[in-house]
Amino acid sequence: MILTDAGPLIALIDRRDAEHTRCVSAAEGLVGPMLSTWPAFTEAMYLLGSGSGWRGQEPLWRMVRVGQFSPK
């Protein structure tokens, strides 16, 4: 299990984020799902949506559906 905050979640999804490449590289080596709190998940959804609408939020929902990420 990996506990993550909103910032790395956003960086994984948003290619314009300055830390995108580094977060994607780090995520490739993770074993198990990423976990977070509901407030961090909500913050990530808000920030992704404010920049790109539902298209920005969809990749995070997909991560939840396939079990890569779980808010608790």
N, C-alpha and C. Protein backbone atom coordinates (compact mmCIF):
# COMPACT_ATOMS: atom_id res chain seq x y z
N MET A 1 0.82 -1.17 0.00
CA MET A 1 0.00 0.00 0.00
C MET A 1 0.87 1.25 0.00
N ILE A 2 0.42 2.22 -0.74
CA ILE A 2 1.12 3.50 -0.83
C ILE A 2 0.12 4.60 -0.49
N LEU A 3 0.41 5.40 0.52
CA LEU A 3 -0.45 6.52 0.88
C LEU A 3 -0.02 7.74 0.07
N THR A 4 -0.97 8.36 -0.60
CA THR A 4 -0.64 9.50 -1.45
C THR A 4 -1.57 10.69 -1.18
N ASP A 5 -1.08 11.85 -1.50
CA ASP A 5 -1.83 13.09 -1.34
C ASP A 5 -2.32 13.56 -2.71
N ALA A 6 -3.07 14.65 -2.72
CA ALA A 6 -3.65 15.16 -3.97
C ALA A 6 -2.58 15.56 -4.99
N GLY A 7 -1.49 16.15 -4.55
CA GLY A 7 -0.46 16.63 -5.48
C GLY A 7 0.09 15.55 -6.40
N PRO A 8 0.56 14.43 -5.85
CA PRO A 8 1.05 13.36 -6.72
C PRO A 8 -0.04 12.76 -7.61
N LEU A 9 -1.27 12.68 -7.11
CA LEU A 9 -2.36 12.16 -7.96
C LEU A 9 -2.56 13.05 -9.17
N ILE A 10 -2.57 14.35 -8.93
CA ILE A 10 -2.74 15.30 -10.03
C ILE A 10 -1.55 15.20 -11.00
N ALA A 11 -0.35 15.13 -10.45
CA ALA A 11 0.85 15.04 -11.30
C ALA A 11 0.85 13.77 -12.15
N LEU A 12 0.31 12.68 -11.64
CA LEU A 12 0.23 11.44 -12.43
C LEU A 12 -0.65 11.62 -13.65
N ILE A 13 -1.70 12.42 -13.51
CA ILE A 13 -2.71 12.54 -14.55
C ILE A 13 -2.47 13.72 -15.49
N ASP A 14 -2.07 14.85 -14.94
CA ASP A 14 -1.94 16.08 -15.72
C ASP A 14 -0.54 16.19 -16.34
N ARG A 15 -0.46 15.99 -17.63
CA ARG A 15 0.84 16.04 -18.33
C ARG A 15 1.48 17.43 -18.28
N ARG A 16 0.70 18.45 -17.98
CA ARG A 16 1.24 19.80 -17.88
C ARG A 16 1.90 20.07 -16.53
N ASP A 17 1.67 19.19 -15.57
CA ASP A 17 2.24 19.36 -14.23
C ASP A 17 3.76 19.20 -14.30
N ALA A 18 4.47 20.06 -13.60
CA ALA A 18 5.94 20.04 -13.61
C ALA A 18 6.51 18.72 -13.09
N GLU A 19 5.77 18.00 -12.25
CA GLU A 19 6.26 16.75 -11.67
C GLU A 19 5.67 15.51 -12.35
N HIS A 20 5.00 15.69 -13.48
CA HIS A 20 4.34 14.57 -14.16
C HIS A 20 5.30 13.42 -14.46
N THR A 21 6.38 13.70 -15.13
CA THR A 21 7.31 12.64 -15.54
C THR A 21 7.87 11.91 -14.33
N ARG A 22 8.25 12.64 -13.31
CA ARG A 22 8.83 12.02 -12.12
C ARG A 22 7.79 11.15 -11.40
N CYS A 23 6.55 11.62 -11.29
CA CYS A 23 5.52 10.84 -10.62
C CYS A 23 5.14 9.59 -11.41
N VAL A 24 5.08 9.70 -12.72
CA VAL A 24 4.79 8.53 -13.55
C VAL A 24 5.89 7.49 -13.39
N SER A 25 7.14 7.92 -13.41
CA SER A 25 8.26 7.00 -13.23
C SER A 25 8.21 6.32 -11.87
N ALA A 26 7.90 7.08 -10.83
CA ALA A 26 7.81 6.50 -9.49
C ALA A 26 6.65 5.52 -9.38
N ALA A 27 5.53 5.84 -9.99
CA ALA A 27 4.34 4.99 -9.92
C ALA A 27 4.56 3.65 -10.61
N GLU A 28 5.39 3.63 -11.63
CA GLU A 28 5.64 2.38 -12.35
C GLU A 28 6.30 1.34 -11.45
N GLY A 29 7.02 1.77 -10.43
CA GLY A 29 7.70 0.84 -9.54
C GLY A 29 6.91 0.48 -8.29
N LEU A 30 5.70 1.00 -8.15
CA LEU A 30 4.90 0.73 -6.96
C LEU A 30 4.27 -0.66 -7.02
N VAL A 31 4.18 -1.27 -5.85
CA VAL A 31 3.50 -2.56 -5.75
C VAL A 31 2.26 -2.36 -4.88
N GLY A 32 1.12 -2.74 -5.39
CA GLY A 32 -0.12 -2.57 -4.65
C GLY A 32 -0.80 -1.27 -4.98
N PRO A 33 -2.03 -1.13 -4.51
CA PRO A 33 -2.80 0.08 -4.82
C PRO A 33 -2.33 1.28 -4.01
N MET A 34 -2.60 2.44 -4.54
CA MET A 34 -2.37 3.68 -3.82
C MET A 34 -3.62 3.98 -3.00
N LEU A 35 -3.42 4.44 -1.78
CA LEU A 35 -4.52 4.82 -0.90
C LEU A 35 -4.42 6.31 -0.60
N SER A 36 -5.56 6.88 -0.28
CA SER A 36 -5.58 8.29 0.12
C SER A 36 -6.79 8.52 0.99
N THR A 37 -6.91 9.72 1.51
CA THR A 37 -8.09 10.10 2.27
C THR A 37 -9.13 10.69 1.33
N TRP A 38 -10.38 10.70 1.79
CA TRP A 38 -11.43 11.32 0.99
C TRP A 38 -11.17 12.81 0.76
N PRO A 39 -10.67 13.56 1.76
CA PRO A 39 -10.38 14.97 1.48
C PRO A 39 -9.32 15.16 0.38
N ALA A 40 -8.28 14.33 0.37
CA ALA A 40 -7.25 14.45 -0.68
C ALA A 40 -7.83 14.07 -2.04
N PHE A 41 -8.67 13.03 -2.08
CA PHE A 41 -9.32 12.63 -3.33
C PHE A 41 -10.21 13.76 -3.83
N THR A 42 -10.99 14.36 -2.93
CA THR A 42 -11.87 15.46 -3.30
C THR A 42 -11.09 16.65 -3.84
N GLU A 43 -9.97 16.96 -3.19
CA GLU A 43 -9.13 18.07 -3.65
C GLU A 43 -8.59 17.78 -5.05
N ALA A 44 -8.12 16.57 -5.28
CA ALA A 44 -7.59 16.20 -6.60
C ALA A 44 -8.69 16.30 -7.66
N MET A 45 -9.88 15.79 -7.33
CA MET A 45 -10.99 15.86 -8.30
C MET A 45 -11.35 17.31 -8.61
N TYR A 46 -11.38 18.15 -7.58
CA TYR A 46 -11.71 19.56 -7.78
C TYR A 46 -10.68 20.23 -8.69
N LEU A 47 -9.40 20.03 -8.38
CA LEU A 47 -8.35 20.70 -9.16
C LEU A 47 -8.28 20.16 -10.59
N LEU A 48 -8.43 18.85 -10.76
CA LEU A 48 -8.43 18.28 -12.11
C LEU A 48 -9.63 18.79 -12.90
N GLY A 49 -10.79 18.89 -12.25
CA GLY A 49 -12.00 19.37 -12.91
C GLY A 49 -11.95 20.85 -13.24
N SER A 50 -11.32 21.63 -12.37
CA SER A 50 -11.27 23.08 -12.63
C SER A 50 -10.39 23.41 -13.82
N GLY A 51 -9.43 22.55 -14.10
CA GLY A 51 -8.55 22.78 -15.24
C GLY A 51 -9.06 22.21 -16.55
N SER A 52 -9.75 21.05 -16.46
CA SER A 52 -10.14 20.36 -17.69
C SER A 52 -11.54 19.78 -17.66
N GLY A 53 -12.34 20.11 -16.66
CA GLY A 53 -13.69 19.56 -16.59
C GLY A 53 -13.67 18.06 -16.32
N TRP A 54 -14.74 17.38 -16.72
CA TRP A 54 -14.83 15.94 -16.44
C TRP A 54 -13.74 15.14 -17.14
N ARG A 55 -13.22 15.66 -18.26
CA ARG A 55 -12.14 14.94 -18.96
C ARG A 55 -10.88 14.88 -18.09
N GLY A 56 -10.67 15.90 -17.29
CA GLY A 56 -9.54 15.89 -16.38
C GLY A 56 -9.75 14.95 -15.20
N GLN A 57 -11.00 14.75 -14.81
CA GLN A 57 -11.32 13.89 -13.68
C GLN A 57 -11.41 12.41 -14.06
N GLU A 58 -11.75 12.11 -15.28
CA GLU A 58 -11.97 10.73 -15.72
C GLU A 58 -10.80 9.79 -15.43
N PRO A 59 -9.55 10.19 -15.67
CA PRO A 59 -8.46 9.25 -15.38
C PRO A 59 -8.38 8.85 -13.90
N LEU A 60 -8.71 9.75 -13.00
CA LEU A 60 -8.70 9.41 -11.58
C LEU A 60 -9.84 8.45 -11.25
N TRP A 61 -11.02 8.69 -11.81
CA TRP A 61 -12.12 7.73 -11.62
C TRP A 61 -11.75 6.37 -12.17
N ARG A 62 -11.07 6.33 -13.31
CA ARG A 62 -10.65 5.06 -13.91
C ARG A 62 -9.71 4.32 -12.96
N MET A 63 -8.80 5.06 -12.32
CA MET A 63 -7.87 4.44 -11.37
C MET A 63 -8.63 3.80 -10.20
N VAL A 64 -9.72 4.44 -9.78
CA VAL A 64 -10.55 3.87 -8.71
C VAL A 64 -11.25 2.61 -9.20
N ARG A 65 -11.84 2.68 -10.40
CA ARG A 65 -12.60 1.54 -10.93
C ARG A 65 -11.74 0.31 -11.12
N VAL A 66 -10.51 0.47 -11.57
CA VAL A 66 -9.66 -0.70 -11.84
C VAL A 66 -8.84 -1.13 -10.62
N GLY A 67 -8.98 -0.41 -9.51
CA GLY A 67 -8.30 -0.82 -8.29
C GLY A 67 -6.89 -0.30 -8.10
N GLN A 68 -6.46 0.65 -8.91
CA GLN A 68 -5.12 1.23 -8.76
C GLN A 68 -5.08 2.24 -7.61
N PHE A 69 -6.23 2.79 -7.26
CA PHE A 69 -6.30 3.84 -6.26
C PHE A 69 -7.58 3.66 -5.46
N SER A 70 -7.48 3.90 -4.14
CA SER A 70 -8.65 3.76 -3.28
C SER A 70 -8.68 4.85 -2.23
N PRO A 71 -9.70 5.72 -2.27
CA PRO A 71 -9.85 6.69 -1.18
C PRO A 71 -10.49 6.00 0.02
N LYS A 72 -10.01 6.29 1.20
CA LYS A 72 -10.53 5.68 2.44
C LYS A 72 -10.94 6.74 3.42
